[in-house]
Amino acid sequence: MSPEGKFVEAEIELRTNPVSLKQCRIAFSRAGEHEPGVDRLPAPPPDAKDSEKCPFCRPQIFKSTPRLIPEIAEEGILTRGKSILFPNMFPYGSYSAVAVFDEIHFVEIGDSDIQTYADGFANCAEYLKRVVDNDHEVIYTAITQNHLPSSGGSLLHPHLQIQADRIASNHHRLLTERAEEHYRSTGLHLFSDYAKHEIREEKRYIGNTGPWEWMAAFAPEGFFELWGIFPGVTSVRELAYENWKHLACGVLNAQRFYRSLNRNGYNLGILSIENEASMVELRVVMLVRSNYAPWTRNDRTGFELMLGDMATFLAPEKTAELARPFWNDAS
């Protein structure tokens, strides 16, 4: 009952992610809620111009970062264009690395360029190729990005994280199980089948950048979650440089979309299983995080953490509708 004594209905929709099988709740009644701080893009972080203390800025990067073992790179680093790749000083697994992909200390969301991103991705792929060639048991790989501290990033300077390990992460294990189960029951590859369905249904399909097919996630596990699927390809080592440029174009489209919502933080991830038997095709996942600003309200509440259900406010079909112009207008 409303404060005035009238009967009120609030629509809730529960969806199950067809890949992870996790449940998502869409609270439509909150879609029109005014969230403080999203009327305009927040100001840059207070240390956006403080490049002298940043270990990823030049010239500090050449004296403050560790070096790769000779089996991976005799010179100790991998470079491509402006991208410089070196080991993570605080590793999360057998092979952890960082790829700095811009010389500029702080780059606002949506302001990078395709070449810079493509060089960064290609540098990561070259590292993973060398790692797997050197250690055949290291097959569980990931390329991730945390943009701004609100997404978990510890440094402002644009960079990607690279992970390779012998032990599967929870998501690697889940994706393997689901892809193999789908193939046994249908004879089809999971993400190829998923992409065909979304393209055919059109409601959540956004567009493509080369072979990458982009869509809003049916049952999102984060706000404004987007997927880019590369059907038929299971290894990052199979991609040509042009494929990374196409991915970079899609990533920047997504960033510009997020910027139009006055959001400044996001996460990105690409998982792969680097063996010939893998049925897990390549998929990039992007989702918005709470804005990085003093007034921020985190986008993960006790509901998500304690109940395990993502609660979002906007239908993925609406997310796709809002995102499509950023693919249609892209050069």
C-alpha atoms as a PDB file:
ATOM      1  CA  MET A   1       0.000   0.000   0.000  1.00  0.00           C
ATOM      2  CA  SER A   2       1.244   3.512  -0.817  1.00  0.00           C
ATOM      3  CA  PRO A   3       1.508   6.176   1.903  1.00  0.00           C
ATOM      4  CA  GLU A   4      -1.858   7.424   0.601  1.00  0.00           C
ATOM      5  CA  GLY A   5      -3.433   3.991   1.134  1.00  0.00           C
ATOM      6  CA  LYS A   6      -3.583   2.925  -2.526  1.00  0.00           C
ATOM      7  CA  PHE A   7      -2.710  -0.584  -3.727  1.00  0.00           C
ATOM      8  CA  VAL A   8       0.601  -0.597  -5.643  1.00  0.00           C
ATOM      9  CA  GLU A   9       2.188  -3.295  -7.822  1.00  0.00           C
ATOM     10  CA  ALA A  10       5.962  -3.364  -8.431  1.00  0.00           C
ATOM     11  CA  GLU A  11       7.101  -5.615 -11.277  1.00  0.00           C
ATOM     12  CA  ILE A  12      10.044  -7.946 -10.670  1.00  0.00           C
ATOM     13  CA  GLU A  13      11.444 -10.239 -13.368  1.00  0.00           C
ATOM     14  CA  LEU A  14      13.691 -13.204 -12.625  1.00  0.00           C
ATOM     15  CA  ARG A  15      15.956 -14.473 -15.396  1.00  0.00           C
ATOM     16  CA  THR A  16      18.493 -17.285 -15.519  1.00  0.00           C
ATOM     17  CA  ASN A  17      21.772 -16.743 -17.324  1.00  0.00           C
ATOM     18  CA  PRO A  18      21.855 -19.536 -19.941  1.00  0.00           C
ATOM     19  CA  VAL A  19      25.646 -19.826 -19.657  1.00  0.00           C
ATOM     20  CA  SER A  20      26.391 -19.506 -15.942  1.00  0.00           C
ATOM     21  CA  LEU A  21      22.898 -20.590 -14.781  1.00  0.00           C
ATOM     22  CA  LYS A  22      23.051 -17.788 -12.212  1.00  0.00           C
ATOM     23  CA  GLN A  23      19.804 -16.033 -11.434  1.00  0.00           C
ATOM     24  CA  CYS A  24      19.280 -12.304 -12.019  1.00  0.00           C
ATOM     25  CA  ARG A  25      16.515 -10.040 -10.713  1.00  0.00           C
ATOM     26  CA  ILE A  26      15.368  -6.979 -12.648  1.00  0.00           C
ATOM     27  CA  ALA A  27      13.620  -4.470 -10.394  1.00  0.00           C
ATOM     28  CA  PHE A  28      11.805  -2.379 -12.984  1.00  0.00           C
ATOM     29  CA  SER A  29      10.331  -0.059 -10.356  1.00  0.00           C
ATOM     30  CA  ARG A  30      13.817   1.353  -9.720  1.00  0.00           C
ATOM     31  CA  ALA A  31      14.587   2.109 -13.369  1.00  0.00           C
ATOM     32  CA  GLY A  32      13.445   5.717 -13.015  1.00  0.00           C
ATOM     33  CA  GLU A  33      15.187   6.267  -9.705  1.00  0.00           C
ATOM     34  CA  HIS A  34      17.475   9.282  -9.639  1.00  0.00           C
ATOM     35  CA  GLU A  35      20.999   8.217  -8.721  1.00  0.00           C
ATOM     36  CA  PRO A  36      23.184  11.008  -7.383  1.00  0.00           C
ATOM     37  CA  GLY A  37      26.149  11.886  -9.545  1.00  0.00           C
ATOM     38  CA  VAL A  38      25.036  10.573 -12.956  1.00  0.00           C
ATOM     39  CA  ASP A  39      23.647  13.851 -14.280  1.00  0.00           C
ATOM     40  CA  ARG A  40      27.082  14.521 -15.735  1.00  0.00           C
ATOM     41  CA  LEU A  41      30.388  12.721 -16.116  1.00  0.00           C
ATOM     42  CA  PRO A  42      32.350  13.058 -12.852  1.00  0.00           C
ATOM     43  CA  ALA A  43      35.460  15.209 -12.790  1.00  0.00           C
ATOM     44  CA  PRO A  44      38.797  13.417 -13.354  1.00  0.00           C
ATOM     45  CA  PRO A  45      40.351  11.774 -10.286  1.00  0.00           C
ATOM     46  CA  PRO A  46      42.408  14.105  -8.069  1.00  0.00           C
ATOM     47  CA  ASP A  47      45.692  12.499  -9.143  1.00  0.00           C
ATOM     48  CA  ALA A  48      44.863  12.471 -12.874  1.00  0.00           C
ATOM     49  CA  LYS A  49      47.833  14.755 -13.624  1.00  0.00           C
ATOM     50  CA  ASP A  50      50.254  13.272 -11.104  1.00  0.00           C
ATOM     51  CA  SER A  51      52.370  11.290 -13.569  1.00  0.00           C
ATOM     52  CA  GLU A  52      55.678  11.693 -11.752  1.00  0.00           C
ATOM     53  CA  LYS A  53      54.700   9.199  -9.033  1.00  0.00           C
ATOM     54  CA  CYS A  54      53.098   6.685 -11.407  1.00  0.00           C
ATOM     55  CA  PRO A  55      55.255   3.563 -11.946  1.00  0.00           C
ATOM     56  CA  PHE A  56      53.619   3.007 -15.372  1.00  0.00           C
ATOM     57  CA  CYS A  57      54.510   6.429 -16.750  1.00  0.00           C
ATOM     58  CA  ARG A  58      57.708   7.104 -18.648  1.00  0.00           C
ATOM     59  CA  PRO A  59      60.518   7.151 -17.648  1.00  0.00           C
ATOM     60  CA  GLN A  60      59.618   5.392 -14.349  1.00  0.00           C
ATOM     61  CA  ILE A  61      58.247   2.306 -16.129  1.00  0.00           C
ATOM     62  CA  PHE A  62      61.720   1.260 -17.286  1.00  0.00           C
ATOM     63  CA  LYS A  63      63.231   1.305 -13.795  1.00  0.00           C
ATOM     64  CA  SER A  64      60.309   0.495 -11.471  1.00  0.00           C
ATOM     65  CA  THR A  65      58.773  -2.585 -13.118  1.00  0.00           C
ATOM     66  CA  PRO A  66      60.016  -6.210 -12.987  1.00  0.00           C
ATOM     67  CA  ARG A  67      61.298  -8.168 -15.992  1.00  0.00           C
ATOM     68  CA  LEU A  68      60.086 -11.294 -17.776  1.00  0.00           C
ATOM     69  CA  ILE A  69      62.153 -14.462 -17.541  1.00  0.00           C
ATOM     70  CA  PRO A  70      64.466 -15.081 -20.544  1.00  0.00           C
ATOM     71  CA  GLU A  71      62.388 -18.074 -21.688  1.00  0.00           C
ATOM     72  CA  ILE A  72      59.517 -15.654 -22.378  1.00  0.00           C
ATOM     73  CA  ALA A  73      61.455 -12.585 -23.544  1.00  0.00           C
ATOM     74  CA  GLU A  74      65.236 -12.182 -23.558  1.00  0.00           C
ATOM     75  CA  GLU A  75      64.902  -8.400 -23.389  1.00  0.00           C
ATOM     76  CA  GLY A  76      62.694  -8.667 -20.273  1.00  0.00           C
ATOM     77  CA  ILE A  77      59.655  -6.888 -21.714  1.00  0.00           C
ATOM     78  CA  LEU A  78      57.322  -7.238 -24.694  1.00  0.00           C
ATOM     79  CA  THR A  79      56.416  -4.181 -26.742  1.00  0.00           C
ATOM     80  CA  ARG A  80      53.966  -3.416 -29.503  1.00  0.00           C
ATOM     81  CA  GLY A  81      53.361   0.180 -30.517  1.00  0.00           C
ATOM     82  CA  LYS A  82      52.937   2.113 -27.274  1.00  0.00           C
ATOM     83  CA  SER A  83      52.193  -1.046 -25.290  1.00  0.00           C
ATOM     84  CA  ILE A  84      54.777  -2.337 -22.808  1.00  0.00           C
ATOM     85  CA  LEU A  85      54.206  -5.696 -21.088  1.00  0.00           C
ATOM     86  CA  PHE A  86      56.025  -6.941 -17.976  1.00  0.00           C
ATOM     87  CA  PRO A  87      55.330  -9.298 -15.033  1.00  0.00           C
ATOM     88  CA  ASN A  88      52.870  -8.323 -12.325  1.00  0.00           C
ATOM     89  CA  MET A  89      54.865  -7.479  -9.203  1.00  0.00           C
ATOM     90  CA  PHE A  90      51.978  -8.907  -7.154  1.00  0.00           C
ATOM     91  CA  PRO A  91      50.986 -12.075  -9.099  1.00  0.00           C
ATOM     92  CA  TYR A  92      47.684 -13.917  -8.842  1.00  0.00           C
ATOM     93  CA  GLY A  93      48.853 -17.152 -10.468  1.00  0.00           C
ATOM     94  CA  SER A  94      51.668 -18.960 -12.241  1.00  0.00           C
ATOM     95  CA  TYR A  95      52.023 -16.272 -14.924  1.00  0.00           C
ATOM     96  CA  SER A  96      50.666 -12.812 -14.117  1.00  0.00           C
ATOM     97  CA  ALA A  97      51.556  -9.820 -16.253  1.00  0.00           C
ATOM     98  CA  VAL A  98      50.566  -6.222 -16.895  1.00  0.00           C
ATOM     99  CA  ALA A  99      50.327  -4.535 -20.296  1.00  0.00           C
ATOM    100  CA  VAL A 100      50.446  -0.749 -20.163  1.00  0.00           C
ATOM    101  CA  PHE A 101      48.868   0.384 -23.419  1.00  0.00           C
ATOM    102  CA  ASP A 102      49.023   4.168 -23.374  1.00  0.00           C
ATOM    103  CA  GLU A 103      51.736   6.729 -22.664  1.00  0.00           C
ATOM    104  CA  ILE A 104      49.155   9.117 -21.171  1.00  0.00           C
ATOM    105  CA  HIS A 105      48.743   8.835 -17.392  1.00  0.00           C
ATOM    106  CA  PHE A 106      44.953   9.247 -17.302  1.00  0.00           C
ATOM    107  CA  VAL A 107      42.619   8.607 -20.227  1.00  0.00           C
ATOM    108  CA  GLU A 108      38.937   9.398 -19.726  1.00  0.00           C
ATOM    109  CA  ILE A 109      36.522   6.619 -20.616  1.00  0.00           C
ATOM    110  CA  GLY A 110      35.856   6.607 -24.366  1.00  0.00           C
ATOM    111  CA  ASP A 111      38.826   8.856 -25.221  1.00  0.00           C
ATOM    112  CA  SER A 112      41.376   6.191 -26.192  1.00  0.00           C
ATOM    113  CA  ASP A 113      41.888   5.086 -29.788  1.00  0.00           C
ATOM    114  CA  ILE A 114      41.560   1.817 -31.681  1.00  0.00           C
ATOM    115  CA  GLN A 115      45.270   1.486 -32.528  1.00  0.00           C
ATOM    116  CA  THR A 116      46.338   1.911 -28.905  1.00  0.00           C
ATOM    117  CA  TYR A 117      43.879  -0.685 -27.630  1.00  0.00           C
ATOM    118  CA  ALA A 118      44.600  -3.114 -30.474  1.00  0.00           C
ATOM    119  CA  ASP A 119      48.341  -2.951 -29.782  1.00  0.00           C
ATOM    120  CA  GLY A 120      47.643  -3.654 -26.101  1.00  0.00           C
ATOM    121  CA  PHE A 121      45.465  -6.681 -26.852  1.00  0.00           C
ATOM    122  CA  ALA A 122      47.910  -8.034 -29.442  1.00  0.00           C
ATOM    123  CA  ASN A 123      50.779  -7.654 -26.969  1.00  0.00           C
ATOM    124  CA  CYS A 124      48.806  -9.688 -24.405  1.00  0.00           C
ATOM    125  CA  ALA A 125      48.149 -12.403 -26.992  1.00  0.00           C
ATOM    126  CA  GLU A 126      51.846 -12.610 -27.873  1.00  0.00           C
ATOM    127  CA  TYR A 127      52.704 -13.010 -24.184  1.00  0.00           C
ATOM    128  CA  LEU A 128      50.142 -15.800 -23.766  1.00  0.00           C
ATOM    129  CA  LYS A 129      51.458 -17.557 -26.882  1.00  0.00           C
ATOM    130  CA  ARG A 130      54.993 -17.532 -25.484  1.00  0.00           C
ATOM    131  CA  VAL A 131      53.828 -18.661 -22.045  1.00  0.00           C
ATOM    132  CA  VAL A 132      51.828 -21.609 -23.382  1.00  0.00           C
ATOM    133  CA  ASP A 133      54.635 -22.605 -25.767  1.00  0.00           C
ATOM    134  CA  ASN A 134      57.043 -22.560 -22.819  1.00  0.00           C
ATOM    135  CA  ASP A 135      54.737 -24.334 -20.343  1.00  0.00           C
ATOM    136  CA  HIS A 136      52.140 -26.582 -21.994  1.00  0.00           C
ATOM    137  CA  GLU A 137      50.205 -27.149 -18.767  1.00  0.00           C
ATOM    138  CA  VAL A 138      49.316 -23.477 -18.447  1.00  0.00           C
ATOM    139  CA  ILE A 139      46.059 -23.423 -20.414  1.00  0.00           C
ATOM    140  CA  TYR A 140      43.682 -21.272 -18.345  1.00  0.00           C
ATOM    141  CA  THR A 141      44.175 -17.693 -19.479  1.00  0.00           C
ATOM    142  CA  ALA A 142      42.496 -14.328 -19.025  1.00  0.00           C
ATOM    143  CA  ILE A 143      42.865 -10.735 -20.189  1.00  0.00           C
ATOM    144  CA  THR A 144      41.120  -8.266 -17.890  1.00  0.00           C
ATOM    145  CA  GLN A 145      40.826  -4.544 -17.259  1.00  0.00           C
ATOM    146  CA  ASN A 146      39.765  -2.479 -14.243  1.00  0.00           C
ATOM    147  CA  HIS A 147      39.087   1.135 -15.182  1.00  0.00           C
ATOM    148  CA  LEU A 148      39.421   3.430 -12.133  1.00  0.00           C
ATOM    149  CA  PRO A 149      39.482   2.413  -8.450  1.00  0.00           C
ATOM    150  CA  SER A 150      35.689   1.905  -8.331  1.00  0.00           C
ATOM    151  CA  SER A 151      36.220  -1.164 -10.535  1.00  0.00           C
ATOM    152  CA  GLY A 152      39.084  -2.480  -8.410  1.00  0.00           C
ATOM    153  CA  GLY A 153      41.906  -0.737 -10.264  1.00  0.00           C
ATOM    154  CA  SER A 154      44.884   0.247  -8.135  1.00  0.00           C
ATOM    155  CA  LEU A 155      46.520   2.579 -10.697  1.00  0.00           C
ATOM    156  CA  LEU A 156      44.923   5.145 -13.008  1.00  0.00           C
ATOM    157  CA  HIS A 157      47.335   4.601 -15.892  1.00  0.00           C
ATOM    158  CA  PRO A 158      45.549   2.554 -18.619  1.00  0.00           C
ATOM    159  CA  HIS A 159      46.611  -1.078 -18.482  1.00  0.00           C
ATOM    160  CA  LEU A 160      45.435  -4.649 -18.960  1.00  0.00           C
ATOM    161  CA  GLN A 161      46.070  -7.603 -16.660  1.00  0.00           C
ATOM    162  CA  ILE A 162      47.061 -10.986 -18.098  1.00  0.00           C
ATOM    163  CA  GLN A 163      46.716 -14.249 -16.242  1.00  0.00           C
ATOM    164  CA  ALA A 164      47.771 -17.794 -17.168  1.00  0.00           C
ATOM    165  CA  ASP A 165      47.639 -20.772 -14.837  1.00  0.00           C
ATOM    166  CA  ARG A 166      47.589 -24.571 -14.635  1.00  0.00           C
ATOM    167  CA  ILE A 167      44.622 -24.424 -12.266  1.00  0.00           C
ATOM    168  CA  ALA A 168      41.204 -23.441 -13.631  1.00  0.00           C
ATOM    169  CA  SER A 169      39.406 -20.478 -12.122  1.00  0.00           C
ATOM    170  CA  ASN A 170      35.767 -20.968 -11.120  1.00  0.00           C
ATOM    171  CA  HIS A 171      34.614 -19.378 -14.369  1.00  0.00           C
ATOM    172  CA  HIS A 172      37.012 -21.402 -16.530  1.00  0.00           C
ATOM    173  CA  ARG A 173      35.694 -24.570 -14.918  1.00  0.00           C
ATOM    174  CA  LEU A 174      32.058 -23.522 -15.289  1.00  0.00           C
ATOM    175  CA  LEU A 175      32.472 -22.485 -18.933  1.00  0.00           C
ATOM    176  CA  THR A 176      34.152 -25.811 -19.749  1.00  0.00           C
ATOM    177  CA  GLU A 177      31.324 -27.779 -18.144  1.00  0.00           C
ATOM    178  CA  ARG A 178      28.582 -25.761 -19.806  1.00  0.00           C
ATOM    179  CA  ALA A 179      30.212 -25.746 -23.278  1.00  0.00           C
ATOM    180  CA  GLU A 180      30.799 -29.511 -23.209  1.00  0.00           C
ATOM    181  CA  GLU A 181      27.307 -30.186 -21.883  1.00  0.00           C
ATOM    182  CA  HIS A 182      25.765 -28.027 -24.625  1.00  0.00           C
ATOM    183  CA  TYR A 183      27.768 -29.789 -27.319  1.00  0.00           C
ATOM    184  CA  ARG A 184      26.768 -33.235 -26.024  1.00  0.00           C
ATOM    185  CA  SER A 185      23.087 -32.332 -26.007  1.00  0.00           C
ATOM    186  CA  THR A 186      22.889 -30.288 -29.234  1.00  0.00           C
ATOM    187  CA  GLY A 187      26.022 -30.950 -31.285  1.00  0.00           C
ATOM    188  CA  LEU A 188      26.570 -27.172 -31.355  1.00  0.00           C
ATOM    189  CA  HIS A 189      29.106 -24.844 -29.785  1.00  0.00           C
ATOM    190  CA  LEU A 190      27.653 -22.861 -26.904  1.00  0.00           C
ATOM    191  CA  PHE A 191      28.579 -19.270 -27.749  1.00  0.00           C
ATOM    192  CA  SER A 192      28.023 -19.707 -31.502  1.00  0.00           C
ATOM    193  CA  ASP A 193      24.556 -21.043 -30.759  1.00  0.00           C
ATOM    194  CA  TYR A 194      23.913 -18.259 -28.265  1.00  0.00           C
ATOM    195  CA  ALA A 195      24.993 -15.549 -30.722  1.00  0.00           C
ATOM    196  CA  LYS A 196      22.801 -16.990 -33.509  1.00  0.00           C
ATOM    197  CA  HIS A 197      19.809 -16.962 -31.165  1.00  0.00           C
ATOM    198  CA  GLU A 198      20.403 -13.345 -30.098  1.00  0.00           C
ATOM    199  CA  ILE A 199      20.913 -12.164 -33.697  1.00  0.00           C
ATOM    200  CA  ARG A 200      17.729 -13.930 -34.772  1.00  0.00           C
ATOM    201  CA  GLU A 201      15.659 -12.599 -31.852  1.00  0.00           C
ATOM    202  CA  GLU A 202      17.077  -9.033 -32.259  1.00  0.00           C
ATOM    203  CA  LYS A 203      15.818  -7.734 -28.867  1.00  0.00           C
ATOM    204  CA  ARG A 204      19.249  -7.677 -27.210  1.00  0.00           C
ATOM    205  CA  TYR A 205      21.494  -7.786 -30.283  1.00  0.00           C
ATOM    206  CA  ILE A 206      23.471  -4.557 -30.748  1.00  0.00           C
ATOM    207  CA  GLY A 207      25.701  -5.017 -33.792  1.00  0.00           C
ATOM    208  CA  ASN A 208      29.085  -6.301 -34.878  1.00  0.00           C
ATOM    209  CA  THR A 209      32.650  -5.086 -35.178  1.00  0.00           C
ATOM    210  CA  GLY A 210      34.162  -7.427 -37.753  1.00  0.00           C
ATOM    211  CA  PRO A 211      33.583 -11.021 -36.569  1.00  0.00           C
ATOM    212  CA  TRP A 212      32.740  -9.929 -32.998  1.00  0.00           C
ATOM    213  CA  GLU A 213      28.978 -10.060 -32.357  1.00  0.00           C
ATOM    214  CA  TRP A 214      27.797  -7.690 -29.608  1.00  0.00           C
ATOM    215  CA  MET A 215      24.705  -7.999 -27.421  1.00  0.00           C
ATOM    216  CA  ALA A 216      23.300  -7.068 -24.035  1.00  0.00           C
ATOM    217  CA  ALA A 217      23.495 -10.006 -21.625  1.00  0.00           C
ATOM    218  CA  PHE A 218      20.093 -11.706 -21.237  1.00  0.00           C
ATOM    219  CA  ALA A 219      20.444 -12.121 -17.450  1.00  0.00           C
ATOM    220  CA  PRO A 220      23.155  -9.622 -16.498  1.00  0.00           C
ATOM    221  CA  GLU A 221      25.520 -10.193 -13.608  1.00  0.00           C
ATOM    222  CA  GLY A 222      26.376  -6.493 -13.564  1.00  0.00           C
ATOM    223  CA  PHE A 223      24.892  -3.178 -14.670  1.00  0.00           C
ATOM    224  CA  PHE A 224      24.672  -2.554 -18.430  1.00  0.00           C
ATOM    225  CA  GLU A 225      26.502  -5.819 -19.149  1.00  0.00           C
ATOM    226  CA  LEU A 226      27.570  -6.326 -22.762  1.00  0.00           C
ATOM    227  CA  TRP A 227      28.996  -9.408 -24.473  1.00  0.00           C
ATOM    228  CA  GLY A 228      31.133  -9.576 -27.600  1.00  0.00           C
ATOM    229  CA  ILE A 229      31.325 -13.123 -29.024  1.00  0.00           C
ATOM    230  CA  PHE A 230      33.776 -14.382 -31.664  1.00  0.00           C
ATOM    231  CA  PRO A 231      32.001 -17.504 -32.980  1.00  0.00           C
ATOM    232  CA  GLY A 232      34.078 -20.546 -33.837  1.00  0.00           C
ATOM    233  CA  VAL A 233      37.377 -19.400 -32.288  1.00  0.00           C
ATOM    234  CA  THR A 234      38.556 -20.830 -28.958  1.00  0.00           C
ATOM    235  CA  SER A 235      42.084 -19.422 -28.606  1.00  0.00           C
ATOM    236  CA  VAL A 236      43.414 -15.886 -28.323  1.00  0.00           C
ATOM    237  CA  ARG A 237      46.507 -17.183 -30.101  1.00  0.00           C
ATOM    238  CA  GLU A 238      44.440 -17.750 -33.268  1.00  0.00           C
ATOM    239  CA  LEU A 239      43.499 -14.105 -33.714  1.00  0.00           C
ATOM    240  CA  ALA A 240      45.134 -11.931 -36.348  1.00  0.00           C
ATOM    241  CA  TYR A 241      45.955  -8.315 -35.575  1.00  0.00           C
ATOM    242  CA  GLU A 242      42.897  -7.209 -37.563  1.00  0.00           C
ATOM    243  CA  ASN A 243      40.704  -9.218 -35.170  1.00  0.00           C
ATOM    244  CA  TRP A 244      42.158  -7.303 -32.222  1.00  0.00           C
ATOM    245  CA  LYS A 245      41.423  -4.026 -34.023  1.00  0.00           C
ATOM    246  CA  HIS A 246      37.818  -5.134 -34.454  1.00  0.00           C
ATOM    247  CA  LEU A 247      37.647  -5.976 -30.757  1.00  0.00           C
ATOM    248  CA  ALA A 248      39.194  -2.603 -29.842  1.00  0.00           C
ATOM    249  CA  CYS A 249      36.523  -0.871 -31.933  1.00  0.00           C
ATOM    250  CA  GLY A 250      33.775  -2.687 -30.016  1.00  0.00           C
ATOM    251  CA  VAL A 251      35.369  -1.946 -26.655  1.00  0.00           C
ATOM    252  CA  LEU A 252      35.560   1.763 -27.474  1.00  0.00           C
ATOM    253  CA  ASN A 253      31.942   1.702 -28.695  1.00  0.00           C
ATOM    254  CA  ALA A 254      30.987   0.254 -25.313  1.00  0.00           C
ATOM    255  CA  GLN A 255      33.044   2.884 -23.494  1.00  0.00           C
ATOM    256  CA  ARG A 256      31.326   5.691 -25.392  1.00  0.00           C
ATOM    257  CA  PHE A 257      27.970   4.136 -24.539  1.00  0.00           C
ATOM    258  CA  TYR A 258      28.911   4.020 -20.858  1.00  0.00           C
ATOM    259  CA  ARG A 259      30.111   7.604 -21.072  1.00  0.00           C
ATOM    260  CA  SER A 260      26.713   8.640 -22.476  1.00  0.00           C
ATOM    261  CA  LEU A 261      25.256   7.302 -19.206  1.00  0.00           C
ATOM    262  CA  ASN A 262      27.754   9.482 -17.312  1.00  0.00           C
ATOM    263  CA  ARG A 263      29.563   6.426 -15.954  1.00  0.00           C
ATOM    264  CA  ASN A 264      33.336   6.437 -15.620  1.00  0.00           C
ATOM    265  CA  GLY A 265      34.260   2.964 -14.309  1.00  0.00           C
ATOM    266  CA  TYR A 266      33.959  -0.479 -15.854  1.00  0.00           C
ATOM    267  CA  ASN A 267      35.418  -3.992 -15.949  1.00  0.00           C
ATOM    268  CA  LEU A 268      36.396  -6.069 -18.984  1.00  0.00           C
ATOM    269  CA  GLY A 269      37.329  -9.731 -19.290  1.00  0.00           C
ATOM    270  CA  ILE A 270      38.240 -12.325 -21.929  1.00  0.00           C
ATOM    271  CA  LEU A 271      38.731 -15.939 -20.806  1.00  0.00           C
ATOM    272  CA  SER A 272      40.206 -18.728 -22.908  1.00  0.00           C
ATOM    273  CA  ILE A 273      41.322 -22.318 -22.480  1.00  0.00           C
ATOM    274  CA  GLU A 274      44.416 -22.822 -24.577  1.00  0.00           C
ATOM    275  CA  ASN A 275      44.219 -26.434 -25.682  1.00  0.00           C
ATOM    276  CA  GLU A 276      42.906 -28.078 -28.830  1.00  0.00           C
ATOM    277  CA  ALA A 277      40.077 -29.841 -27.007  1.00  0.00           C
ATOM    278  CA  SER A 278      38.507 -26.630 -25.711  1.00  0.00           C
ATOM    279  CA  MET A 279      34.955 -25.855 -26.810  1.00  0.00           C
ATOM    280  CA  VAL A 280      34.866 -22.489 -25.047  1.00  0.00           C
ATOM    281  CA  GLU A 281      34.760 -19.837 -27.756  1.00  0.00           C
ATOM    282  CA  LEU A 282      36.062 -16.331 -27.186  1.00  0.00           C
ATOM    283  CA  ARG A 283      33.780 -13.868 -25.435  1.00  0.00           C
ATOM    284  CA  VAL A 284      34.563 -10.432 -24.042  1.00  0.00           C
ATOM    285  CA  VAL A 285      32.372  -9.268 -21.158  1.00  0.00           C
ATOM    286  CA  MET A 286      32.046  -5.604 -20.175  1.00  0.00           C
ATOM    287  CA  LEU A 287      29.992  -4.072 -17.377  1.00  0.00           C
ATOM    288  CA  VAL A 288      29.673  -0.739 -15.639  1.00  0.00           C
ATOM    289  CA  ARG A 289      30.778  -0.168 -12.046  1.00  0.00           C
ATOM    290  CA  SER A 290      29.830   2.592  -9.656  1.00  0.00           C
ATOM    291  CA  ASN A 291      31.259   5.955 -10.601  1.00  0.00           C
ATOM    292  CA  TYR A 292      34.595   6.870  -9.103  1.00  0.00           C
ATOM    293  CA  ALA A 293      33.715   9.992  -7.121  1.00  0.00           C
ATOM    294  CA  PRO A 294      33.492  10.981  -3.444  1.00  0.00           C
ATOM    295  CA  TRP A 295      29.714  10.482  -3.270  1.00  0.00           C
ATOM    296  CA  THR A 296      29.708   7.058  -4.947  1.00  0.00           C
ATOM    297  CA  ARG A 297      27.259   4.326  -4.001  1.00  0.00           C
ATOM    298  CA  ASN A 298      28.692   0.887  -4.702  1.00  0.00           C
ATOM    299  CA  ASP A 299      26.854  -1.261  -7.239  1.00  0.00           C
ATOM    300  CA  ARG A 300      27.261  -4.432  -5.146  1.00  0.00           C
ATOM    301  CA  THR A 301      25.004  -4.496  -2.089  1.00  0.00           C
ATOM    302  CA  GLY A 302      24.248  -7.068   0.567  1.00  0.00           C
ATOM    303  CA  PHE A 303      21.641  -8.508  -1.796  1.00  0.00           C
ATOM    304  CA  GLU A 304      24.235  -9.503  -4.385  1.00  0.00           C
ATOM    305  CA  LEU A 305      26.897 -10.549  -1.895  1.00  0.00           C
ATOM    306  CA  MET A 306      24.696 -12.441   0.551  1.00  0.00           C
ATOM    307  CA  LEU A 307      21.899 -13.807  -1.665  1.00  0.00           C
ATOM    308  CA  GLY A 308      24.051 -14.344  -4.746  1.00  0.00           C
ATOM    309  CA  ASP A 309      21.460 -12.848  -7.145  1.00  0.00           C
ATOM    310  CA  MET A 310      22.387  -9.819  -9.215  1.00  0.00           C
ATOM    311  CA  ALA A 311      19.736  -7.118  -8.861  1.00  0.00           C
ATOM    312  CA  THR A 312      19.653  -4.615 -11.699  1.00  0.00           C
ATOM    313  CA  PHE A 313      17.081  -2.028 -12.686  1.00  0.00           C
ATOM    314  CA  LEU A 314      16.975  -1.844 -16.475  1.00  0.00           C
ATOM    315  CA  ALA A 315      15.897  -4.576 -18.896  1.00  0.00           C
ATOM    316  CA  PRO A 316      18.731  -5.837 -21.160  1.00  0.00           C
ATOM    317  CA  GLU A 317      16.461  -5.107 -24.124  1.00  0.00           C
ATOM    318  CA  LYS A 318      16.532  -1.423 -23.110  1.00  0.00           C
ATOM    319  CA  THR A 319      20.310  -1.583 -22.650  1.00  0.00           C
ATOM    320  CA  ALA A 320      20.655  -2.870 -26.227  1.00  0.00           C
ATOM    321  CA  GLU A 321      18.366  -0.116 -27.508  1.00  0.00           C
ATOM    322  CA  LEU A 322      20.493   2.541 -25.818  1.00  0.00           C
ATOM    323  CA  ALA A 323      23.788   0.983 -26.988  1.00  0.00           C
ATOM    324  CA  ARG A 324      22.982   0.411 -30.696  1.00  0.00           C
ATOM    325  CA  PRO A 325      23.656   3.994 -31.846  1.00  0.00           C
ATOM    326  CA  PHE A 326      27.260   3.666 -30.689  1.00  0.00           C
ATOM    327  CA  TRP A 327      27.759   0.746 -33.110  1.00  0.00           C
ATOM    328  CA  ASN A 328      25.735   2.260 -35.978  1.00  0.00           C
ATOM    329  CA  ASP A 329      27.623   5.560 -35.842  1.00  0.00           C
ATOM    330  CA  ALA A 330      31.096   4.023 -35.507  1.00  0.00           C
ATOM    331  CA  SER A 331      33.455   4.446 -38.436  1.00  0.00           C
END
